[in-house]
Amino acid sequence: MSGHWSATPIYDSLCAEYRRLFRALPGDRTGEEELRFTGFGTGTARWDGGRHGGGRLPALPPAPRDGRRYER
């Protein structure tokens, strides 16, 4: 429909908007050539590998409230 205009400008505008919003091909970015990714840096925080300090033992699973062992 490129280059073809109807007698109703509102129809042309709606068709153009529809084509812009619902592109036919995944990844098609026609008309977005000026949009660029702007890097945001690496930050100053350190990653500790998921370890937590404090030297505490891991939590134990919950026990029955009456003090008896679970049946196996």
Protein backbone atom coordinates (compact mmCIF):
# COMPACT_ATOMS: atom_id res chain seq x y z
CA MET A 1 0.00 0.00 0.00
CA SER A 2 3.08 2.17 -0.13
CA GLY A 3 2.59 5.29 -2.24
CA HIS A 4 -1.14 4.68 -2.62
CA TRP A 5 -3.43 7.26 -1.04
CA SER A 6 -7.18 7.06 -0.79
CA ALA A 7 -9.68 9.90 -0.92
CA THR A 8 -9.98 9.79 2.88
CA PRO A 9 -6.87 10.97 4.76
CA ILE A 10 -8.12 9.52 8.06
CA TYR A 11 -8.21 6.06 6.47
CA ASP A 12 -4.65 6.52 5.22
CA SER A 13 -3.54 7.62 8.67
CA LEU A 14 -5.22 4.66 10.37
CA CYS A 15 -3.70 2.21 7.89
CA ALA A 16 -0.24 3.67 8.41
CA GLU A 17 -0.63 3.46 12.19
CA TYR A 18 -1.85 -0.14 11.93
CA ARG A 19 1.14 -1.11 9.79
CA ARG A 20 3.47 0.63 12.24
CA LEU A 21 2.01 -1.13 15.30
CA PHE A 22 1.47 -4.57 13.78
CA ARG A 23 4.50 -5.25 11.62
CA ALA A 24 4.31 -8.22 9.27
CA LEU A 25 7.76 -9.59 10.05
CA PRO A 26 9.18 -10.30 13.51
CA GLY A 27 12.09 -7.99 14.17
CA ASP A 28 11.10 -5.52 11.46
CA ARG A 29 12.16 -2.09 12.68
CA THR A 30 11.48 -0.06 9.57
CA GLY A 31 11.34 3.62 10.45
CA GLU A 32 13.35 3.20 13.66
CA GLU A 33 16.80 3.67 12.14
CA GLU A 34 17.58 6.64 14.40
CA LEU A 35 16.86 4.75 17.64
CA ARG A 36 20.15 3.65 19.19
CA PHE A 37 21.10 1.82 22.37
CA THR A 38 22.84 4.03 24.91
CA GLY A 39 25.15 2.15 27.24
CA PHE A 40 24.60 2.61 30.95
CA GLY A 41 27.96 1.57 32.44
CA THR A 42 28.84 -1.24 34.78
CA GLY A 43 28.05 0.39 38.12
CA THR A 44 30.11 0.30 41.29
CA ALA A 45 28.57 -2.61 43.22
CA ARG A 46 30.42 -5.90 43.60
CA TRP A 47 28.96 -9.34 43.11
CA ASP A 48 29.90 -11.72 45.90
CA GLY A 49 29.04 -14.93 44.08
CA GLY A 50 25.86 -15.47 46.07
CA ARG A 51 27.60 -16.12 49.39
CA HIS A 52 26.41 -14.54 52.58
CA GLY A 53 28.78 -13.63 55.38
CA GLY A 54 28.32 -14.10 59.08
CA GLY A 55 29.53 -17.69 59.50
CA ARG A 56 26.05 -18.91 60.44
CA LEU A 57 24.92 -22.48 59.95
CA PRO A 58 22.20 -23.12 57.39
CA ALA A 59 18.64 -23.28 58.65
CA LEU A 60 17.26 -26.69 59.57
CA PRO A 61 14.00 -28.03 58.18
CA PRO A 62 10.95 -27.57 60.41
CA ALA A 63 10.34 -30.21 63.08
CA PRO A 64 7.02 -31.49 64.41
CA ARG A 65 5.69 -29.26 67.21
CA ASP A 66 5.21 -32.18 69.63
CA GLY A 67 8.92 -33.09 69.52
CA ARG A 68 8.43 -36.57 68.01
CA ARG A 69 10.36 -37.70 64.94
CA TYR A 70 8.75 -37.92 61.54
CA GLU A 71 7.57 -41.40 60.54
CA ARG A 72 9.50 -42.88 57.66
